[in-house]
Amino acid sequence: MPSTGKSKEKALLHGREYIGVDKIDGPLIFIRNTHPVGYRELVECVDAKGAVRLGIVLETSKEMVVAQIFEGTSGLTMPDTRVRFSGEPLTISVSEEMLGRVFNGLGHPIDGGAPPRGDLEMDANGMAINPTARQYPRDFIQTGISTIDGMNTLIRGQKLPIFSGNGLPHNELAAQIARQSKIRGSDTGFAVVFAAMGVKHDVARFFTRSFEESGVLENVALFLSLADDPSIERLITPRTALTLAEYLAFERDMHVLVIMTDMTNYCESLREISTIRGEIPSRKGYPGYLYSDLAELYERSGMIKEHKGSITSLPILTMPNDDISHPIPDLSGYITEGQIVFEREMDGRGIYPPIAGLPSLSRLMKDGIGEGMTREDHPHLASQLFAAYSYVKDVRNLASVIGEEELTPLDHIYLDFGKEFEQRFVSQRKDEDRSIEQTLDIGWEVLRVLPVEELHRITEEEIEKFYGK
């Protein structure tokens, strides 16, 4: 319902204030006849009782300004609501003291402690790293997960998403990676920034308890936007988390691992706001700028020349209906350097983590493994495991058609290899932290199920040194 458009304006030391808004729709407020307002400018919305709610400008033009209010618009009335434009973007005060603390999506502490001292005020919107300033990622990050370290290696500065599904153990894997990740041989500090969007209370408690009990909480900063918090808060949560990561990496020279879960909840909030604004929808109702919005987040990770620190990103998303062609995983795959894909059938057989061997890929793996980085046999061993497991999948498909009794003796050997590979190499305990040497040794052990003449991707020297142990 539009008002008369006669908003009263008065000059303030901290910005300009308007009394009365023209429209309230969901978490959005619409104001006419304002001064020139900046995109993503910080907004203070004051209700009739004087309570202040923060927001951010989503759209600005000569005719109308649209702002989203993080705490929601419940209780606001159009004539009595006052809106202040600060003339500045949303900022967050950051420092190393934020490690070991728990915050909400806006960066306010929710662990009962006092607000940490801030060393620097930084723009929460951030900026993507200039491609010409990027340093090529090469250093190996050990997660302690064999299927990641051995076959889909995570490299410092990489963006490697995890494609999961509803009900699969992606939260458990995320917590395990946060507890176990380390850069071997580096004297630079290592920290984890964990951003959870739209999670339930029991999931939030799981993450917090997991880090506390393992003793790594002092090196972890948690940003939790809970399921009953305003959905609009999910849009700012990854931005505040990445702002802290940028400070730790490029001001304090730390190696930072950023884990963001669940990016699907983030995209759903983006679609919700787009629908309220009346924008023309794209695939499955998501806004046409979904790709650029995700890229804006993902491209804040990486390494910058002449800086010792780095940001490695591990976003987690649940694929609706396990559809890898859905817009969210599809677009994420274009922006990032690979993906870790969960398989529901493996989870049904009790395999943890249920990481699918063939769809998973780390595009930077080849530049971070081998002699001097992991071990000299790593590249050829990983290639052989991929090739052998691919043949296992073909044999299983054939057996489902003609029956196992019709398979050749070599096919039966490959079936045995598949069972051994999944039970010993892929499957591990949720508290099991394997070194890269242990991972590679287990890989050789499962390869011994196959006859040596089937190892086409391994050199004679490697067979002599490792196969016969």
Protein backbone atom coordinates (compact mmCIF):
# COMPACT_ATOMS: atom_id res chain seq x y z
CA MET A 1 0.00 0.00 0.00
CA PRO A 2 1.81 3.18 -1.14
CA SER A 3 1.87 6.30 1.01
CA THR A 4 1.64 9.91 -0.15
CA GLY A 5 5.41 9.94 -0.76
CA LYS A 6 5.87 13.00 1.50
CA SER A 7 8.58 11.59 3.76
CA LYS A 8 10.04 14.08 6.19
CA GLU A 9 13.83 14.34 6.14
CA LYS A 10 16.15 15.78 8.76
CA ALA A 11 19.92 16.06 8.72
CA LEU A 12 21.80 13.98 11.30
CA LEU A 13 25.48 13.82 12.18
CA HIS A 14 25.60 10.13 11.32
CA GLY A 15 23.56 10.32 8.11
CA ARG A 16 20.09 11.22 6.93
CA GLU A 17 16.82 10.11 8.47
CA TYR A 18 13.40 9.73 6.84
CA ILE A 19 10.14 9.41 8.78
CA GLY A 20 7.61 7.11 7.18
CA VAL A 21 8.06 4.45 4.52
CA ASP A 22 6.01 3.80 1.40
CA LYS A 23 5.69 0.04 1.55
CA ILE A 24 6.60 -2.94 3.77
CA ASP A 25 6.75 -6.36 2.14
CA GLY A 26 8.28 -9.29 4.03
CA PRO A 27 11.79 -8.27 5.15
CA LEU A 28 11.86 -5.36 2.67
CA ILE A 29 10.98 -1.69 3.09
CA PHE A 30 10.41 0.70 0.17
CA ILE A 31 11.08 4.44 0.46
CA ARG A 32 10.44 7.18 -2.11
CA ASN A 33 11.87 10.69 -2.50
CA THR A 34 15.26 10.12 -0.88
CA HIS A 35 18.66 11.65 -1.53
CA PRO A 36 21.09 9.61 -3.72
CA VAL A 37 21.67 6.42 -1.73
CA GLY A 38 24.51 3.94 -2.31
CA TYR A 39 24.06 0.25 -3.18
CA ARG A 40 24.58 -1.92 -0.06
CA GLU A 41 24.66 1.13 2.17
CA LEU A 42 24.00 0.40 5.85
CA VAL A 43 20.49 1.26 7.06
CA GLU A 44 19.13 1.76 10.57
CA CYS A 45 15.40 1.16 10.86
CA VAL A 46 13.81 2.56 14.06
CA ASP A 47 10.35 1.39 15.11
CA ALA A 48 7.75 3.33 17.13
CA LYS A 49 9.31 2.15 20.43
CA GLY A 50 12.78 3.33 19.47
CA ALA A 51 14.27 -0.13 18.87
CA VAL A 52 16.90 -0.13 16.11
CA ARG A 53 17.14 -2.83 13.44
CA LEU A 54 19.98 -2.99 10.94
CA GLY A 55 19.48 -3.41 7.22
CA ILE A 56 21.21 -2.96 3.90
CA VAL A 57 20.23 -1.23 0.64
CA LEU A 58 19.35 -3.75 -2.08
CA GLU A 59 18.20 -1.39 -4.83
CA THR A 60 18.57 2.33 -5.38
CA SER A 61 17.19 4.64 -8.05
CA LYS A 62 15.83 8.16 -8.43
CA GLU A 63 12.30 6.93 -7.72
CA MET A 64 12.69 4.28 -5.02
CA VAL A 65 15.11 2.79 -2.47
CA VAL A 66 14.63 -0.84 -1.37
CA ALA A 67 16.30 -2.02 1.83
CA GLN A 68 16.28 -5.42 3.50
CA ILE A 69 16.00 -5.52 7.30
CA PHE A 70 18.03 -8.32 8.91
CA GLU A 71 15.82 -8.77 11.98
CA GLY A 72 12.65 -8.68 9.88
CA THR A 73 9.89 -6.06 9.67
CA SER A 74 7.42 -7.53 12.17
CA GLY A 75 5.86 -4.74 14.23
CA LEU A 76 6.86 -1.91 11.90
CA THR A 77 4.21 0.54 10.69
CA MET A 78 4.56 2.67 7.57
CA PRO A 79 3.83 6.13 9.11
CA ASP A 80 5.93 5.71 12.30
CA THR A 81 9.00 3.89 11.00
CA ARG A 82 12.14 6.01 10.78
CA VAL A 83 14.92 5.07 8.38
CA ARG A 84 18.48 6.33 8.70
CA PHE A 85 20.99 6.02 5.87
CA SER A 86 24.52 5.96 7.22
CA GLY A 87 26.31 6.75 3.97
CA GLU A 88 28.63 3.79 4.66
CA PRO A 89 28.58 0.06 3.88
CA LEU A 90 27.96 -2.60 6.51
CA THR A 91 31.20 -3.12 8.42
CA ILE A 92 32.39 -5.66 10.97
CA SER A 93 35.03 -5.11 13.64
CA VAL A 94 37.57 -7.95 13.39
CA SER A 95 40.51 -9.24 15.41
CA GLU A 96 42.27 -12.49 16.32
CA GLU A 97 40.25 -12.50 19.56
CA MET A 98 37.27 -13.68 17.49
CA LEU A 99 38.87 -17.12 17.26
CA GLY A 100 37.36 -19.42 19.87
CA ARG A 101 34.07 -17.51 19.87
CA VAL A 102 30.55 -18.10 18.52
CA PHE A 103 28.68 -15.34 16.65
CA ASN A 104 25.36 -14.89 14.89
CA GLY A 105 25.16 -14.10 11.20
CA LEU A 106 25.81 -10.39 11.75
CA GLY A 107 28.97 -11.00 13.77
CA HIS A 108 27.47 -10.39 17.24
CA PRO A 109 28.64 -12.85 19.94
CA ILE A 110 26.03 -15.40 21.09
CA ASP A 111 28.21 -17.48 23.41
CA GLY A 112 27.53 -15.37 26.50
CA GLY A 113 30.90 -13.60 26.41
CA ALA A 114 31.67 -9.93 25.98
CA PRO A 115 32.16 -8.57 22.45
CA PRO A 116 35.79 -9.15 21.42
CA ARG A 117 38.12 -6.19 21.00
CA GLY A 118 38.25 -5.05 17.39
CA ASP A 119 41.58 -4.28 15.71
CA LEU A 120 40.17 -3.20 12.35
CA GLU A 121 36.81 -2.15 10.89
CA MET A 122 36.28 -3.88 7.54
CA ASP A 123 33.60 -3.73 4.84
CA ALA A 124 31.56 -6.92 5.18
CA ASN A 125 30.76 -6.98 1.46
CA GLY A 126 34.42 -7.42 0.58
CA MET A 127 35.71 -7.81 -2.96
CA ALA A 128 36.79 -10.68 -5.17
CA ILE A 129 40.56 -11.09 -5.42
CA ASN A 130 42.01 -9.43 -8.51
CA PRO A 131 43.06 -12.24 -10.90
CA THR A 132 46.37 -10.48 -11.66
CA ALA A 133 47.21 -10.42 -7.93
CA ARG A 134 46.47 -14.11 -7.40
CA GLN A 135 49.18 -16.62 -6.63
CA TYR A 136 48.70 -20.11 -8.07
CA PRO A 137 47.69 -22.61 -5.33
CA ARG A 138 50.17 -25.45 -4.77
CA ASP A 139 50.52 -26.44 -1.10
CA PHE A 140 48.72 -29.59 0.11
CA ILE A 141 46.24 -29.39 3.01
CA GLN A 142 45.93 -32.65 4.94
CA THR A 143 42.34 -33.27 6.05
CA GLY A 144 42.91 -36.77 7.43
CA ILE A 145 40.19 -38.10 5.07
CA SER A 146 41.66 -40.69 2.68
CA THR A 147 39.26 -40.13 -0.21
CA ILE A 148 40.02 -36.40 -0.13
CA ASP A 149 43.76 -36.50 0.59
CA GLY A 150 44.46 -39.46 -1.67
CA MET A 151 42.16 -38.93 -4.66
CA ASN A 152 40.67 -35.40 -4.48
CA THR A 153 43.44 -33.50 -2.76
CA LEU A 154 42.62 -30.13 -1.22
CA ILE A 155 45.18 -27.43 -2.09
CA ARG A 156 45.83 -24.25 -0.09
CA GLY A 157 43.88 -21.41 -1.70
CA GLN A 158 41.48 -23.74 -3.54
CA LYS A 159 37.68 -23.56 -3.71
CA LEU A 160 36.44 -27.15 -3.37
CA PRO A 161 32.69 -27.58 -2.70
CA ILE A 162 31.00 -30.65 -1.24
CA PHE A 163 27.83 -31.72 -3.07
CA SER A 164 25.66 -33.64 -0.63
CA GLY A 165 21.98 -34.46 -0.15
CA ASN A 166 19.38 -34.22 2.60
CA GLY A 167 20.05 -36.73 5.36
CA LEU A 168 23.64 -37.45 4.31
CA PRO A 169 26.48 -36.90 6.83
CA HIS A 170 27.92 -33.68 5.38
CA ASN A 171 27.77 -31.95 8.78
CA GLU A 172 29.82 -34.73 10.36
CA LEU A 173 32.38 -34.54 7.55
CA ALA A 174 32.56 -30.73 7.79
CA ALA A 175 33.23 -30.92 11.54
CA GLN A 176 35.83 -33.66 11.05
CA ILE A 177 37.67 -31.62 8.39
CA ALA A 178 37.61 -28.55 10.65
CA ARG A 179 39.07 -30.58 13.54
CA GLN A 180 41.76 -32.39 11.56
CA SER A 181 42.95 -30.05 8.79
CA LYS A 182 46.59 -28.96 8.87
CA ILE A 183 49.34 -27.72 6.56
CA ARG A 184 52.35 -29.90 7.19
CA GLY A 185 55.76 -28.30 7.49
CA SER A 186 54.38 -24.77 7.80
CA ASP A 187 55.12 -22.49 10.76
CA THR A 188 52.31 -20.11 9.77
CA GLY A 189 49.21 -20.10 11.97
CA PHE A 190 46.20 -22.15 10.84
CA ALA A 191 42.61 -21.18 11.63
CA VAL A 192 39.10 -22.30 10.66
CA VAL A 193 36.20 -19.92 10.02
CA PHE A 194 32.92 -21.84 10.08
CA ALA A 195 29.71 -20.31 8.70
CA ALA A 196 26.43 -22.22 9.11
CA MET A 197 23.28 -20.88 7.43
CA GLY A 198 19.75 -21.99 8.26
CA VAL A 199 20.88 -24.83 10.54
CA LYS A 200 18.74 -26.32 13.30
CA HIS A 201 19.59 -25.83 16.98
CA ASP A 202 20.75 -29.44 17.39
CA VAL A 203 23.11 -29.06 14.43
CA ALA A 204 24.53 -25.83 15.89
CA ARG A 205 25.05 -27.60 19.23
CA PHE A 206 26.76 -30.49 17.41
CA PHE A 207 29.30 -28.18 15.78
CA THR A 208 30.01 -26.25 18.96
CA ARG A 209 30.32 -29.38 21.11
CA SER A 210 32.49 -31.12 18.51
CA PHE A 211 35.02 -28.29 18.46
CA GLU A 212 34.99 -27.87 22.25
CA GLU A 213 35.55 -31.56 23.00
CA SER A 214 38.35 -31.91 20.46
CA GLY A 215 40.15 -28.85 21.83
CA VAL A 216 40.29 -26.99 18.48
CA LEU A 217 37.67 -24.35 19.32
CA GLU A 218 40.40 -21.83 20.21
CA ASN A 219 41.40 -21.83 16.52
CA VAL A 220 37.83 -21.77 15.17
CA ALA A 221 35.41 -18.87 14.75
CA LEU A 222 31.77 -19.96 14.33
CA PHE A 223 29.10 -17.85 12.62
CA LEU A 224 25.69 -19.45 13.16
CA SER A 225 22.50 -18.31 11.45
CA LEU A 226 19.88 -20.63 12.92
CA ALA A 227 16.80 -21.94 11.19
CA ASP A 228 14.46 -19.79 13.31
CA ASP A 229 16.48 -16.64 12.70
CA PRO A 230 15.20 -14.32 9.94
CA SER A 231 16.05 -15.96 6.64
CA ILE A 232 17.42 -12.67 5.36
CA GLU A 233 20.28 -12.98 7.88
CA ARG A 234 21.59 -15.94 5.90
CA LEU A 235 22.58 -13.59 3.07
CA ILE A 236 25.05 -11.70 5.27
CA THR A 237 26.42 -14.69 7.26
CA PRO A 238 28.98 -15.90 4.67
CA ARG A 239 30.05 -12.30 4.06
CA THR A 240 30.84 -11.58 7.71
CA ALA A 241 32.67 -14.93 7.98
CA LEU A 242 34.75 -14.22 4.87
CA THR A 243 35.56 -10.72 6.16
CA LEU A 244 37.14 -12.23 9.28
CA ALA A 245 38.95 -14.77 7.09
CA GLU A 246 40.37 -11.94 4.93
CA TYR A 247 41.65 -10.16 8.02
CA LEU A 248 43.32 -13.28 9.43
CA ALA A 249 44.83 -14.25 6.07
CA PHE A 250 45.99 -10.94 4.63
CA GLU A 251 46.52 -8.83 7.76
CA ARG A 252 47.77 -11.54 10.16
CA ASP A 253 49.39 -13.90 7.59
CA MET A 254 47.43 -16.97 8.70
CA HIS A 255 46.23 -19.91 6.61
CA VAL A 256 42.43 -19.92 6.91
CA LEU A 257 40.01 -22.70 5.97
CA VAL A 258 36.49 -21.35 5.43
CA ILE A 259 33.69 -23.93 5.67
CA MET A 260 30.23 -22.69 4.61
CA THR A 261 27.16 -24.88 5.09
CA ASP A 262 24.52 -25.00 3.70
CA MET A 263 24.85 -22.89 0.54
CA THR A 264 21.45 -24.20 -0.60
CA ASN A 265 19.82 -22.36 2.33
CA TYR A 266 21.67 -19.22 1.25
CA CYS A 267 20.38 -19.54 -2.32
CA GLU A 268 16.82 -20.17 -1.09
CA SER A 269 16.94 -16.87 0.81
CA LEU A 270 18.24 -15.17 -2.31
CA ARG A 271 15.29 -16.58 -4.28
CA GLU A 272 12.85 -15.47 -1.58
CA ILE A 273 14.07 -11.86 -1.69
CA SER A 274 14.12 -11.87 -5.50
CA THR A 275 10.48 -13.02 -5.59
CA ILE A 276 9.38 -10.31 -3.13
CA ARG A 277 11.12 -7.68 -5.26
CA GLY A 278 9.19 -8.89 -8.30
CA GLU A 279 12.27 -9.76 -10.34
CA ILE A 280 11.98 -11.92 -13.45
CA PRO A 281 12.95 -15.45 -12.37
CA SER A 282 15.49 -17.65 -14.10
CA ARG A 283 15.99 -21.44 -13.79
CA LYS A 284 13.71 -22.97 -11.14
CA GLY A 285 12.74 -19.52 -9.89
CA TYR A 286 16.22 -18.43 -8.85
CA PRO A 287 17.31 -14.91 -9.83
CA GLY A 288 19.33 -14.48 -13.00
CA TYR A 289 22.24 -13.12 -10.98
CA LEU A 290 22.64 -16.32 -8.91
CA TYR A 291 25.92 -17.11 -10.70
CA SER A 292 27.47 -13.69 -10.06
CA ASP A 293 26.26 -13.65 -6.45
CA LEU A 294 27.88 -17.04 -5.72
CA ALA A 295 31.03 -15.97 -7.56
CA GLU A 296 31.15 -12.86 -5.39
CA LEU A 297 31.49 -15.15 -2.35
CA TYR A 298 33.68 -17.92 -3.77
CA GLU A 299 36.18 -15.59 -5.44
CA ARG A 300 37.09 -13.99 -2.10
CA SER A 301 39.14 -17.15 -1.44
CA GLY A 302 42.66 -17.73 -2.68
CA MET A 303 46.25 -16.55 -2.30
CA ILE A 304 47.62 -13.08 -3.03
CA LYS A 305 51.16 -12.38 -4.18
CA GLU A 306 53.45 -10.93 -1.48
CA HIS A 307 51.09 -12.18 1.26
CA LYS A 308 51.99 -15.22 3.36
CA GLY A 309 48.40 -16.03 4.33
CA SER A 310 45.69 -17.77 2.30
CA ILE A 311 41.95 -18.52 2.27
CA THR A 312 40.84 -22.00 1.29
CA SER A 313 37.09 -22.39 0.77
CA LEU A 314 35.04 -25.54 1.38
CA PRO A 315 31.38 -24.67 0.69
CA ILE A 316 28.84 -27.42 1.36
CA LEU A 317 25.50 -27.61 -0.43
CA THR A 318 22.66 -30.13 -0.37
CA MET A 319 21.46 -30.94 -3.88
CA PRO A 320 17.63 -30.85 -4.09
CA ASN A 321 16.46 -34.38 -4.99
CA ASP A 322 20.16 -35.36 -5.31
CA ASP A 323 20.13 -33.61 -8.70
CA ILE A 324 23.67 -32.57 -9.61
CA SER A 325 22.30 -30.62 -12.60
CA HIS A 326 20.26 -28.37 -10.28
CA PRO A 327 21.20 -24.67 -10.71
CA ILE A 328 23.02 -24.40 -7.35
CA PRO A 329 25.54 -27.28 -7.81
CA ASP A 330 25.67 -26.63 -11.54
CA LEU A 331 26.72 -22.99 -11.17
CA SER A 332 28.98 -23.76 -8.20
CA GLY A 333 30.86 -26.24 -10.36
CA TYR A 334 31.61 -23.54 -12.93
CA ILE A 335 33.07 -21.16 -10.32
CA THR A 336 35.07 -23.58 -8.19
CA GLU A 337 37.98 -25.93 -8.86
CA GLY A 338 36.29 -29.31 -8.58
CA GLN A 339 33.77 -30.95 -6.27
CA ILE A 340 33.41 -33.70 -3.65
CA VAL A 341 30.20 -35.62 -4.40
CA PHE A 342 28.29 -37.73 -1.86
CA GLU A 343 26.58 -40.95 -2.97
CA ARG A 344 23.37 -41.99 -1.22
CA GLU A 345 23.76 -45.67 -2.17
CA MET A 346 27.12 -45.82 -0.37
CA ASP A 347 25.60 -44.17 2.70
CA GLY A 348 22.87 -46.81 2.66
CA ARG A 349 25.56 -49.49 2.91
CA GLY A 350 27.02 -47.82 6.01
CA ILE A 351 30.12 -46.35 4.34
CA TYR A 352 31.42 -43.12 5.89
CA PRO A 353 32.24 -40.76 4.34
CA PRO A 354 30.05 -41.77 1.36
CA ILE A 355 32.22 -39.92 -1.18
CA ALA A 356 31.58 -41.10 -4.74
CA GLY A 357 34.86 -42.05 -6.38
CA LEU A 358 34.16 -41.13 -10.00
CA PRO A 359 32.10 -37.87 -9.99
CA SER A 360 34.43 -36.28 -7.42
CA LEU A 361 37.28 -34.18 -8.76
CA SER A 362 39.96 -31.76 -7.58
CA ARG A 363 41.23 -29.76 -10.55
CA LEU A 364 44.27 -28.44 -8.67
CA MET A 365 45.31 -31.82 -7.26
CA LYS A 366 48.01 -32.47 -9.87
CA ASP A 367 49.94 -29.33 -8.85
CA GLY A 368 50.01 -30.07 -5.13
CA ILE A 369 51.01 -33.74 -4.92
CA GLY A 370 54.08 -35.79 -5.72
CA GLU A 371 57.70 -35.74 -4.62
CA GLY A 372 58.51 -32.96 -2.18
CA MET A 373 54.83 -32.26 -1.50
CA THR A 374 53.13 -35.54 -0.51
CA ARG A 375 55.04 -38.62 -1.80
CA GLU A 376 56.54 -39.52 -5.15
CA ASP A 377 54.07 -42.37 -5.79
CA HIS A 378 50.94 -40.31 -5.07
CA PRO A 379 50.04 -39.16 -8.65
CA HIS A 380 50.31 -42.61 -10.26
CA LEU A 381 48.68 -44.38 -7.29
CA ALA A 382 45.65 -42.05 -7.39
CA SER A 383 45.35 -42.52 -11.16
CA GLN A 384 45.46 -46.32 -10.79
CA LEU A 385 42.83 -46.31 -8.03
CA PHE A 386 40.52 -44.18 -10.19
CA ALA A 387 40.98 -46.48 -13.19
CA ALA A 388 40.47 -49.70 -11.21
CA TYR A 389 37.39 -48.39 -9.40
CA SER A 390 35.93 -47.24 -12.73
CA TYR A 391 36.24 -50.81 -14.01
CA VAL A 392 34.56 -52.05 -10.80
CA LYS A 393 31.53 -49.87 -11.56
CA ASP A 394 31.33 -51.33 -15.08
CA VAL A 395 31.53 -54.89 -13.74
CA ARG A 396 28.81 -54.22 -11.18
CA ASN A 397 26.53 -52.84 -13.87
CA LEU A 398 27.22 -55.91 -16.02
CA ALA A 399 26.55 -58.25 -13.09
CA SER A 400 23.19 -56.59 -12.48
CA VAL A 401 22.20 -57.59 -16.02
CA ILE A 402 23.72 -61.06 -16.57
CA GLY A 403 24.35 -62.15 -12.96
CA GLU A 404 27.64 -62.59 -11.10
CA GLU A 405 27.96 -66.26 -12.08
CA GLU A 406 28.45 -65.24 -15.72
CA LEU A 407 31.40 -62.94 -14.96
CA THR A 408 35.00 -63.84 -15.84
CA PRO A 409 37.55 -64.73 -13.13
CA LEU A 410 39.19 -61.29 -13.64
CA ASP A 411 35.83 -59.59 -13.17
CA HIS A 412 35.42 -61.38 -9.83
CA ILE A 413 38.87 -60.14 -8.78
CA TYR A 414 37.78 -56.60 -9.57
CA LEU A 415 34.61 -57.08 -7.51
CA ASP A 416 36.80 -58.13 -4.58
CA PHE A 417 38.96 -55.06 -5.15
CA GLY A 418 35.86 -52.83 -5.10
CA LYS A 419 34.76 -54.22 -1.73
CA GLU A 420 38.26 -53.85 -0.30
CA PHE A 421 38.60 -50.31 -1.67
CA GLU A 422 35.30 -49.13 -0.17
CA GLN A 423 35.73 -50.88 3.19
CA ARG A 424 39.40 -50.03 3.82
CA PHE A 425 40.29 -46.93 1.80
CA VAL A 426 37.01 -44.97 1.58
CA SER A 427 35.46 -45.98 4.89
CA GLN A 428 36.96 -44.65 8.11
CA ARG A 429 35.83 -43.65 11.59
CA LYS A 430 34.47 -40.18 12.26
CA ASP A 431 37.35 -39.56 14.69
CA GLU A 432 40.04 -41.17 12.53
CA ASP A 433 42.77 -38.79 11.38
CA ARG A 434 44.97 -40.48 8.75
CA SER A 435 48.28 -39.01 7.63
CA ILE A 436 48.95 -38.86 3.90
CA GLU A 437 51.50 -41.69 4.31
CA GLN A 438 48.85 -43.89 5.95
CA THR A 439 46.38 -43.05 3.17
CA LEU A 440 48.86 -43.96 0.42
CA ASP A 441 49.94 -47.17 2.19
CA ILE A 442 46.28 -48.28 2.46
CA GLY A 443 45.91 -47.52 -1.26
CA TRP A 444 48.78 -49.89 -2.06
CA GLU A 445 47.32 -52.55 0.24
CA VAL A 446 43.99 -52.59 -1.61
CA LEU A 447 45.77 -52.59 -4.99
CA ARG A 448 47.46 -55.87 -4.03
CA VAL A 449 44.08 -57.54 -4.58
CA LEU A 450 44.69 -57.01 -8.30
CA PRO A 451 47.34 -58.92 -10.28
CA VAL A 452 50.40 -56.85 -11.08
CA GLU A 453 49.75 -57.03 -14.83
CA GLU A 454 46.55 -54.97 -14.27
CA LEU A 455 48.48 -52.00 -12.88
CA HIS A 456 48.93 -50.07 -16.12
CA ARG A 457 49.29 -46.60 -14.61
CA ILE A 458 52.15 -47.33 -12.20
CA THR A 459 55.85 -47.46 -13.08
CA GLU A 460 58.03 -50.55 -12.67
CA GLU A 461 60.07 -48.73 -10.01
CA GLU A 462 56.95 -47.89 -7.97
CA ILE A 463 55.69 -51.48 -8.24
CA GLU A 464 59.03 -52.77 -7.01
CA LYS A 465 59.20 -50.26 -4.16
CA PHE A 466 55.60 -50.24 -2.89
CA TYR A 467 53.51 -53.09 -4.37
CA GLY A 468 55.57 -55.92 -2.94
CA LYS A 469 55.84 -54.58 0.61
